Amino acid sequence: MQSTTFNRPFIKLFTLMVCCFTVFSFTTKLGLDSYEIYLNNKLLLQQSVNQPVNLRKLQLNKAGANDELRIYYRHCHAPNIGTNRSIAVKDEKGRLLKKWTFPNATGSDQGMLVPVKELLQLERAHLQQELSLYYTARELRGEETLALLHFK
């Protein structure tokens, strides 16, 4: 009769590797900031910040002057809502065209409102330029590009 012996350290290492692969396969979105942009309570864009900017196009061709964008930005760490928040529009050369600042969120209203009327005015004043929407907060280093604005 022949007996087979297994190397115990090898079995322990293999088991540890399998457990690690299993655990890490379920945490792909851990640590990512995310945001949602609504036009009059209709979801237009929902993204994690790791998506390429060219996939973040905000279509505003059907938006009216009385409409509002509501932006919810969630940080990956606590507190999930940033402080000293602002939304800015910049042209393709990075020049600041307009900036909205928002108070620190309290209670359930954590969204940032941007009037579409003001975005349409910026679009008319800068017809041949690509405009982008940016978010800044104390919790971020620098600013985050949210979307490229498209009006047509």
N, C-alpha and C. Protein backbone atom coordinates (compact mmCIF):
# COMPACT_ATOMS: atom_id res chain seq x y z
N MET A 1 0.82 -1.16 0.00
CA MET A 1 0.00 0.00 0.00
C MET A 1 0.88 1.24 0.00
N GLN A 2 0.52 2.20 -0.86
CA GLN A 2 1.32 3.41 -1.02
C GLN A 2 0.62 4.58 -0.33
N SER A 3 1.38 5.39 0.37
CA SER A 3 0.84 6.51 1.14
C SER A 3 1.34 7.83 0.54
N THR A 4 0.42 8.81 0.44
CA THR A 4 0.78 10.13 -0.10
C THR A 4 0.81 11.13 1.05
N THR A 5 1.88 11.92 1.09
CA THR A 5 1.98 12.96 2.11
C THR A 5 1.94 14.33 1.44
N PHE A 6 1.20 15.23 2.07
CA PHE A 6 1.10 16.60 1.55
C PHE A 6 1.96 17.52 2.42
N ASN A 7 2.49 18.50 1.76
CA ASN A 7 3.29 19.48 2.46
C ASN A 7 2.34 20.49 3.12
N ARG A 8 2.28 20.49 4.45
CA ARG A 8 1.34 21.35 5.16
C ARG A 8 1.54 22.85 4.86
N PRO A 9 2.73 23.40 4.82
CA PRO A 9 2.87 24.83 4.50
C PRO A 9 2.30 25.18 3.12
N PHE A 10 2.45 24.28 2.16
CA PHE A 10 1.90 24.53 0.83
C PHE A 10 0.38 24.60 0.86
N ILE A 11 -0.25 23.71 1.60
CA ILE A 11 -1.71 23.70 1.70
C ILE A 11 -2.20 24.97 2.39
N LYS A 12 -1.51 25.41 3.44
CA LYS A 12 -1.90 26.64 4.14
C LYS A 12 -1.76 27.85 3.21
N LEU A 13 -0.68 27.91 2.46
CA LEU A 13 -0.47 29.03 1.53
C LEU A 13 -1.54 29.02 0.44
N PHE A 14 -1.83 27.87 -0.12
CA PHE A 14 -2.85 27.77 -1.15
C PHE A 14 -4.23 28.19 -0.62
N THR A 15 -4.58 27.76 0.58
CA THR A 15 -5.86 28.12 1.19
C THR A 15 -5.93 29.63 1.43
N LEU A 16 -4.86 30.23 1.89
CA LEU A 16 -4.82 31.67 2.11
C LEU A 16 -5.00 32.43 0.80
N MET A 17 -4.36 31.98 -0.26
CA MET A 17 -4.49 32.63 -1.57
C MET A 17 -5.92 32.55 -2.08
N VAL A 18 -6.55 31.41 -1.95
CA VAL A 18 -7.94 31.25 -2.39
C VAL A 18 -8.86 32.16 -1.59
N CYS A 19 -8.66 32.24 -0.29
CA CYS A 19 -9.48 33.13 0.54
C CYS A 19 -9.29 34.60 0.14
N CYS A 20 -8.06 35.01 -0.11
CA CYS A 20 -7.79 36.40 -0.51
C CYS A 20 -8.46 36.72 -1.84
N PHE A 21 -8.33 35.84 -2.82
CA PHE A 21 -8.97 36.08 -4.12
C PHE A 21 -10.48 36.18 -3.98
N THR A 22 -11.05 35.34 -3.14
CA THR A 22 -12.50 35.36 -2.93
C THR A 22 -12.94 36.66 -2.28
N VAL A 23 -12.26 37.10 -1.26
CA VAL A 23 -12.64 38.32 -0.55
C VAL A 23 -12.48 39.54 -1.45
N PHE A 24 -11.36 39.66 -2.15
CA PHE A 24 -11.10 40.85 -2.96
C PHE A 24 -11.94 40.89 -4.23
N SER A 25 -12.49 39.79 -4.65
CA SER A 25 -13.32 39.81 -5.85
C SER A 25 -14.66 40.50 -5.62
N PHE A 26 -15.07 40.66 -4.37
CA PHE A 26 -16.35 41.29 -4.06
C PHE A 26 -16.22 42.75 -3.64
N THR A 27 -15.02 43.33 -3.65
CA THR A 27 -14.82 44.70 -3.18
C THR A 27 -14.26 45.59 -4.28
N THR A 28 -14.78 45.50 -5.50
CA THR A 28 -14.23 46.28 -6.59
C THR A 28 -14.53 47.76 -6.49
N LYS A 29 -15.65 48.15 -5.85
CA LYS A 29 -16.00 49.56 -5.77
C LYS A 29 -15.59 50.20 -4.45
N LEU A 30 -14.92 49.45 -3.59
CA LEU A 30 -14.49 49.99 -2.32
C LEU A 30 -13.49 51.11 -2.55
N GLY A 31 -13.73 52.23 -1.90
CA GLY A 31 -12.77 53.32 -1.99
C GLY A 31 -12.98 54.27 -3.14
N LEU A 32 -14.10 54.21 -3.84
CA LEU A 32 -14.33 55.09 -4.97
C LEU A 32 -15.37 56.15 -4.64
N ASP A 33 -15.08 57.39 -5.01
CA ASP A 33 -16.09 58.43 -4.92
C ASP A 33 -17.08 58.21 -6.06
N SER A 34 -18.31 58.65 -5.85
CA SER A 34 -19.32 58.52 -6.89
C SER A 34 -20.24 59.73 -6.84
N TYR A 35 -20.97 59.93 -7.92
CA TYR A 35 -21.90 61.05 -7.97
C TYR A 35 -23.05 60.75 -8.90
N GLU A 36 -24.13 61.52 -8.70
CA GLU A 36 -25.33 61.42 -9.53
C GLU A 36 -25.74 62.84 -9.89
N ILE A 37 -26.19 63.01 -11.13
CA ILE A 37 -26.68 64.30 -11.59
C ILE A 37 -28.11 64.11 -12.09
N TYR A 38 -29.02 64.91 -11.53
CA TYR A 38 -30.44 64.84 -11.88
C TYR A 38 -30.86 66.14 -12.56
N LEU A 39 -31.76 66.03 -13.51
CA LEU A 39 -32.42 67.19 -14.10
C LEU A 39 -33.88 67.09 -13.70
N ASN A 40 -34.31 67.99 -12.81
CA ASN A 40 -35.70 67.97 -12.30
C ASN A 40 -36.11 66.58 -11.83
N ASN A 41 -35.34 65.99 -10.98
CA ASN A 41 -35.60 64.68 -10.36
C ASN A 41 -35.49 63.50 -11.33
N LYS A 42 -34.98 63.72 -12.53
CA LYS A 42 -34.75 62.62 -13.48
C LYS A 42 -33.24 62.39 -13.57
N LEU A 43 -32.82 61.16 -13.29
CA LEU A 43 -31.41 60.83 -13.30
C LEU A 43 -30.83 60.94 -14.71
N LEU A 44 -29.81 61.78 -14.87
CA LEU A 44 -29.14 61.93 -16.16
C LEU A 44 -27.82 61.19 -16.21
N LEU A 45 -27.10 61.18 -15.10
CA LEU A 45 -25.76 60.63 -15.09
C LEU A 45 -25.45 60.08 -13.71
N GLN A 46 -24.93 58.87 -13.67
CA GLN A 46 -24.51 58.23 -12.43
C GLN A 46 -23.16 57.60 -12.71
N GLN A 47 -22.13 58.03 -11.99
CA GLN A 47 -20.77 57.60 -12.31
C GLN A 47 -19.95 57.38 -11.04
N SER A 48 -18.92 56.57 -11.19
CA SER A 48 -17.83 56.52 -10.23
C SER A 48 -16.70 57.33 -10.85
N VAL A 49 -15.87 57.90 -10.02
CA VAL A 49 -14.87 58.83 -10.55
C VAL A 49 -13.78 58.14 -11.36
N ASN A 50 -13.72 56.83 -11.35
CA ASN A 50 -12.70 56.14 -12.14
C ASN A 50 -13.08 55.97 -13.61
N GLN A 51 -14.26 56.40 -14.00
CA GLN A 51 -14.68 56.32 -15.40
C GLN A 51 -13.96 57.37 -16.23
N PRO A 52 -13.57 57.08 -17.45
CA PRO A 52 -12.93 58.09 -18.29
C PRO A 52 -13.85 59.30 -18.52
N VAL A 53 -13.24 60.48 -18.59
CA VAL A 53 -14.01 61.72 -18.75
C VAL A 53 -14.83 61.70 -20.03
N ASN A 54 -14.33 61.08 -21.11
CA ASN A 54 -15.08 61.10 -22.36
C ASN A 54 -16.37 60.27 -22.28
N LEU A 55 -16.54 59.48 -21.23
CA LEU A 55 -17.79 58.75 -21.04
C LEU A 55 -18.77 59.53 -20.17
N ARG A 56 -18.33 60.64 -19.63
CA ARG A 56 -19.16 61.44 -18.73
C ARG A 56 -19.73 62.65 -19.48
N LYS A 57 -20.64 62.42 -20.38
CA LYS A 57 -21.25 63.49 -21.15
C LYS A 57 -22.64 63.77 -20.61
N LEU A 58 -22.88 65.03 -20.31
CA LEU A 58 -24.15 65.44 -19.75
C LEU A 58 -24.96 66.12 -20.84
N GLN A 59 -25.99 65.42 -21.34
CA GLN A 59 -26.83 65.93 -22.41
C GLN A 59 -27.88 66.88 -21.85
N LEU A 60 -27.79 68.15 -22.23
CA LEU A 60 -28.74 69.15 -21.76
C LEU A 60 -29.55 69.74 -22.90
N ASN A 61 -29.65 69.02 -24.02
CA ASN A 61 -30.36 69.55 -25.19
C ASN A 61 -31.86 69.70 -24.96
N LYS A 62 -32.42 68.96 -24.02
CA LYS A 62 -33.87 69.07 -23.75
C LYS A 62 -34.16 69.86 -22.48
N ALA A 63 -33.12 70.46 -21.90
CA ALA A 63 -33.32 71.21 -20.67
C ALA A 63 -33.86 72.59 -20.96
N GLY A 64 -34.78 73.03 -20.12
CA GLY A 64 -35.37 74.36 -20.25
C GLY A 64 -34.73 75.34 -19.28
N ALA A 65 -34.99 76.63 -19.50
CA ALA A 65 -34.39 77.68 -18.69
C ALA A 65 -34.83 77.60 -17.22
N ASN A 66 -36.00 77.06 -16.95
CA ASN A 66 -36.49 76.97 -15.57
C ASN A 66 -36.10 75.67 -14.87
N ASP A 67 -35.37 74.81 -15.55
CA ASP A 67 -34.97 73.53 -14.97
C ASP A 67 -33.78 73.72 -14.03
N GLU A 68 -33.53 72.69 -13.22
CA GLU A 68 -32.41 72.71 -12.29
C GLU A 68 -31.67 71.39 -12.33
N LEU A 69 -30.36 71.47 -12.22
CA LEU A 69 -29.55 70.28 -12.02
C LEU A 69 -29.36 70.11 -10.52
N ARG A 70 -29.49 68.89 -10.05
CA ARG A 70 -29.21 68.57 -8.65
C ARG A 70 -28.10 67.53 -8.66
N ILE A 71 -27.01 67.85 -8.00
CA ILE A 71 -25.82 67.01 -8.02
C ILE A 71 -25.58 66.47 -6.61
N TYR A 72 -25.42 65.15 -6.52
CA TYR A 72 -25.09 64.47 -5.27
C TYR A 72 -23.71 63.85 -5.44
N TYR A 73 -22.76 64.26 -4.63
CA TYR A 73 -21.41 63.71 -4.69
C TYR A 73 -21.15 63.00 -3.37
N ARG A 74 -20.76 61.74 -3.44
CA ARG A 74 -20.50 60.93 -2.25
C ARG A 74 -19.03 60.53 -2.22
N HIS A 75 -18.38 60.90 -1.12
CA HIS A 75 -16.98 60.53 -0.93
C HIS A 75 -16.91 59.10 -0.40
N CYS A 76 -15.80 58.45 -0.67
CA CYS A 76 -15.65 57.05 -0.28
C CYS A 76 -15.45 56.88 1.21
N HIS A 77 -15.09 57.94 1.90
CA HIS A 77 -14.81 57.85 3.33
C HIS A 77 -15.80 58.72 4.11
N ALA A 78 -15.87 58.48 5.40
CA ALA A 78 -16.78 59.27 6.23
C ALA A 78 -16.16 60.63 6.52
N PRO A 79 -16.91 61.71 6.53
CA PRO A 79 -18.31 61.76 6.15
C PRO A 79 -18.46 61.65 4.65
N ASN A 80 -19.52 61.02 4.21
CA ASN A 80 -19.70 60.78 2.77
C ASN A 80 -19.99 62.05 1.99
N ILE A 81 -20.50 63.08 2.66
CA ILE A 81 -20.81 64.34 2.01
C ILE A 81 -19.69 65.32 2.34
N GLY A 82 -19.18 65.99 1.32
CA GLY A 82 -18.06 66.90 1.50
C GLY A 82 -18.45 68.19 2.20
N THR A 83 -17.43 68.93 2.63
CA THR A 83 -17.62 70.24 3.23
C THR A 83 -16.95 71.28 2.35
N ASN A 84 -17.40 72.52 2.46
CA ASN A 84 -16.89 73.61 1.61
C ASN A 84 -16.99 73.23 0.13
N ARG A 85 -18.16 72.77 -0.27
CA ARG A 85 -18.39 72.24 -1.61
C ARG A 85 -18.62 73.37 -2.62
N SER A 86 -18.22 73.09 -3.86
CA SER A 86 -18.53 74.03 -4.94
C SER A 86 -18.60 73.26 -6.26
N ILE A 87 -19.35 73.83 -7.18
CA ILE A 87 -19.46 73.34 -8.55
C ILE A 87 -19.00 74.48 -9.45
N ALA A 88 -18.20 74.16 -10.44
CA ALA A 88 -17.68 75.18 -11.35
C ALA A 88 -17.84 74.73 -12.79
N VAL A 89 -17.94 75.70 -13.68
CA VAL A 89 -17.91 75.43 -15.12
C VAL A 89 -16.64 76.09 -15.66
N LYS A 90 -15.90 75.30 -16.44
CA LYS A 90 -14.68 75.80 -17.06
C LYS A 90 -14.73 75.54 -18.55
N ASP A 91 -13.99 76.35 -19.29
CA ASP A 91 -13.91 76.13 -20.73
C ASP A 91 -12.80 75.11 -21.02
N GLU A 92 -12.59 74.82 -22.30
CA GLU A 92 -11.63 73.79 -22.69
C GLU A 92 -10.18 74.14 -22.35
N LYS A 93 -9.91 75.42 -22.08
CA LYS A 93 -8.55 75.83 -21.69
C LYS A 93 -8.40 75.88 -20.17
N GLY A 94 -9.43 75.50 -19.45
CA GLY A 94 -9.36 75.47 -18.00
C GLY A 94 -9.68 76.79 -17.32
N ARG A 95 -10.20 77.74 -18.06
CA ARG A 95 -10.56 79.03 -17.46
C ARG A 95 -11.90 78.92 -16.75
N LEU A 96 -11.95 79.46 -15.55
CA LEU A 96 -13.17 79.43 -14.75
C LEU A 96 -14.19 80.40 -15.32
N LEU A 97 -15.37 79.90 -15.65
CA LEU A 97 -16.44 80.73 -16.20
C LEU A 97 -17.50 81.07 -15.15
N LYS A 98 -17.80 80.13 -14.28
CA LYS A 98 -18.84 80.34 -13.26
C LYS A 98 -18.59 79.35 -12.14
N LYS A 99 -18.86 79.81 -10.90
CA LYS A 99 -18.68 78.93 -9.74
C LYS A 99 -19.84 79.13 -8.77
N TRP A 100 -20.40 78.03 -8.29
CA TRP A 100 -21.46 78.03 -7.29
C TRP A 100 -20.89 77.40 -6.02
N THR A 101 -21.07 78.04 -4.90
CA THR A 101 -20.63 77.47 -3.62
C THR A 101 -21.86 77.06 -2.83
N PHE A 102 -21.71 76.03 -2.01
CA PHE A 102 -22.84 75.45 -1.28
C PHE A 102 -22.50 75.31 0.19
N PRO A 103 -23.49 75.51 1.04
CA PRO A 103 -23.25 75.33 2.48
C PRO A 103 -23.05 73.84 2.78
N ASN A 104 -22.45 73.58 3.91
CA ASN A 104 -22.28 72.19 4.32
C ASN A 104 -23.64 71.55 4.52
N ALA A 105 -23.77 70.34 4.03
CA ALA A 105 -25.06 69.65 4.05
C ALA A 105 -25.47 69.31 5.48
N THR A 106 -26.73 69.55 5.76
CA THR A 106 -27.30 69.14 7.05
C THR A 106 -28.62 68.43 6.75
N GLY A 107 -28.87 67.40 7.49
CA GLY A 107 -30.13 66.68 7.30
C GLY A 107 -30.14 65.87 6.02
N SER A 108 -31.32 65.77 5.43
CA SER A 108 -31.48 64.90 4.27
C SER A 108 -31.19 65.59 2.95
N ASP A 109 -31.17 66.93 2.92
CA ASP A 109 -30.92 67.63 1.66
C ASP A 109 -29.43 67.80 1.44
N GLN A 110 -28.83 66.89 0.68
CA GLN A 110 -27.40 66.88 0.46
C GLN A 110 -27.03 67.25 -0.97
N GLY A 111 -28.02 67.58 -1.77
CA GLY A 111 -27.78 67.91 -3.16
C GLY A 111 -27.32 69.34 -3.35
N MET A 112 -26.68 69.58 -4.48
CA MET A 112 -26.22 70.91 -4.87
C MET A 112 -27.02 71.32 -6.10
N LEU A 113 -27.73 72.44 -6.02
CA LEU A 113 -28.59 72.91 -7.12
C LEU A 113 -27.85 73.89 -8.02
N VAL A 114 -27.91 73.63 -9.32
CA VAL A 114 -27.33 74.52 -10.33
C VAL A 114 -28.45 74.88 -11.31
N PRO A 115 -28.77 76.16 -11.45
CA PRO A 115 -29.82 76.56 -12.40
C PRO A 115 -29.39 76.35 -13.85
N VAL A 116 -30.21 75.66 -14.62
CA VAL A 116 -29.91 75.41 -16.03
C VAL A 116 -29.87 76.72 -16.79
N LYS A 117 -30.64 77.70 -16.37
CA LYS A 117 -30.65 79.01 -17.01
C LYS A 117 -29.24 79.60 -17.08
N GLU A 118 -28.50 79.47 -16.01
CA GLU A 118 -27.13 79.99 -15.98
C GLU A 118 -26.20 79.17 -16.87
N LEU A 119 -26.42 77.88 -16.96
CA LEU A 119 -25.62 77.05 -17.86
C LEU A 119 -25.90 77.41 -19.32
N LEU A 120 -27.16 77.66 -19.64
CA LEU A 120 -27.52 78.05 -21.01
C LEU A 120 -26.90 79.41 -21.37
N GLN A 121 -26.84 80.33 -20.43
CA GLN A 121 -26.20 81.61 -20.67
C GLN A 121 -24.71 81.43 -20.95
N LEU A 122 -24.06 80.55 -20.20
CA LEU A 122 -22.64 80.26 -20.43
C LEU A 122 -22.44 79.62 -21.80
N GLU A 123 -23.34 78.74 -22.17
CA GLU A 123 -23.22 78.07 -23.47
C GLU A 123 -23.35 79.08 -24.61
N ARG A 124 -24.28 80.00 -24.51
CA ARG A 124 -24.44 81.03 -25.55
C ARG A 124 -23.23 81.96 -25.62
N ALA A 125 -22.63 82.26 -24.48
CA ALA A 125 -21.47 83.16 -24.45
C ALA A 125 -20.20 82.49 -24.94
N HIS A 126 -20.17 81.17 -24.94
CA HIS A 126 -18.97 80.41 -25.33
C HIS A 126 -19.35 79.32 -26.33
N LEU A 127 -19.92 79.71 -27.44
CA LEU A 127 -20.49 78.77 -28.42
C LEU A 127 -19.49 77.76 -28.96
N GLN A 128 -18.31 78.16 -29.28
CA GLN A 128 -17.36 77.28 -29.96
C GLN A 128 -16.44 76.54 -28.99
N GLN A 129 -16.76 76.55 -27.71
CA GLN A 129 -15.89 75.93 -26.72
C GLN A 129 -16.60 74.78 -26.02
N GLU A 130 -15.81 73.82 -25.61
CA GLU A 130 -16.34 72.70 -24.84
C GLU A 130 -16.32 73.09 -23.36
N LEU A 131 -17.45 72.99 -22.70
CA LEU A 131 -17.56 73.36 -21.30
C LEU A 131 -17.62 72.10 -20.44
N SER A 132 -17.01 72.19 -19.26
CA SER A 132 -16.97 71.05 -18.34
C SER A 132 -17.42 71.48 -16.96
N LEU A 133 -18.00 70.53 -16.25
CA LEU A 133 -18.50 70.73 -14.90
C LEU A 133 -17.51 70.10 -13.92
N TYR A 134 -17.13 70.86 -12.87
CA TYR A 134 -16.15 70.41 -11.88
C TYR A 134 -16.72 70.49 -10.47
N TYR A 135 -16.23 69.62 -9.62
CA TYR A 135 -16.62 69.59 -8.21
C TYR A 135 -15.38 69.76 -7.36
N THR A 136 -15.48 70.57 -6.30
CA THR A 136 -14.39 70.68 -5.33
C THR A 136 -14.99 70.62 -3.92
N ALA A 137 -14.20 70.13 -2.99
CA ALA A 137 -14.57 70.06 -1.58
C ALA A 137 -13.30 69.98 -0.77
N ARG A 138 -13.42 70.27 0.51
CA ARG A 138 -12.25 70.20 1.39
C ARG A 138 -11.66 68.79 1.40
N GLU A 139 -12.48 67.77 1.25
CA GLU A 139 -12.01 66.39 1.33
C GLU A 139 -11.26 65.92 0.09
N LEU A 140 -11.29 66.69 -0.98
CA LEU A 140 -10.60 66.32 -2.22
C LEU A 140 -9.29 67.07 -2.34
N ARG A 141 -8.34 66.44 -2.99
CA ARG A 141 -7.13 67.15 -3.38
C ARG A 141 -7.39 67.68 -4.77
N GLY A 142 -7.53 68.98 -4.89
CA GLY A 142 -7.81 69.55 -6.20
C GLY A 142 -9.29 69.49 -6.51
N GLU A 143 -9.60 69.19 -7.77
CA GLU A 143 -10.99 69.17 -8.22
C GLU A 143 -11.25 67.91 -9.03
N GLU A 144 -12.52 67.58 -9.15
CA GLU A 144 -12.93 66.39 -9.90
C GLU A 144 -13.79 66.81 -11.07
N THR A 145 -13.43 66.35 -12.26
CA THR A 145 -14.25 66.62 -13.44
C THR A 145 -15.47 65.71 -13.39
N LEU A 146 -16.65 66.33 -13.38
CA LEU A 146 -17.88 65.55 -13.33
C LEU A 146 -18.37 65.16 -14.72
N ALA A 147 -18.42 66.13 -15.62
CA ALA A 147 -19.00 65.84 -16.94
C ALA A 147 -18.63 66.92 -17.95
N LEU A 148 -18.72 66.52 -19.21
CA LEU A 148 -18.64 67.45 -20.33
C LEU A 148 -20.06 67.86 -20.65
N LEU A 149 -20.30 69.15 -20.79
CA LEU A 149 -21.65 69.65 -21.04
C LEU A 149 -21.95 69.66 -22.53
N HIS A 150 -23.09 69.10 -22.93
CA HIS A 150 -23.53 69.09 -24.32
C HIS A 150 -24.94 69.66 -24.39
N PHE A 151 -25.10 70.70 -25.21
CA PHE A 151 -26.38 71.38 -25.32
C PHE A 151 -27.10 71.10 -26.62
N LYS A 152 -26.47 70.42 -27.55
CA LYS A 152 -27.09 70.14 -28.86
C LYS A 152 -27.18 68.68 -29.13
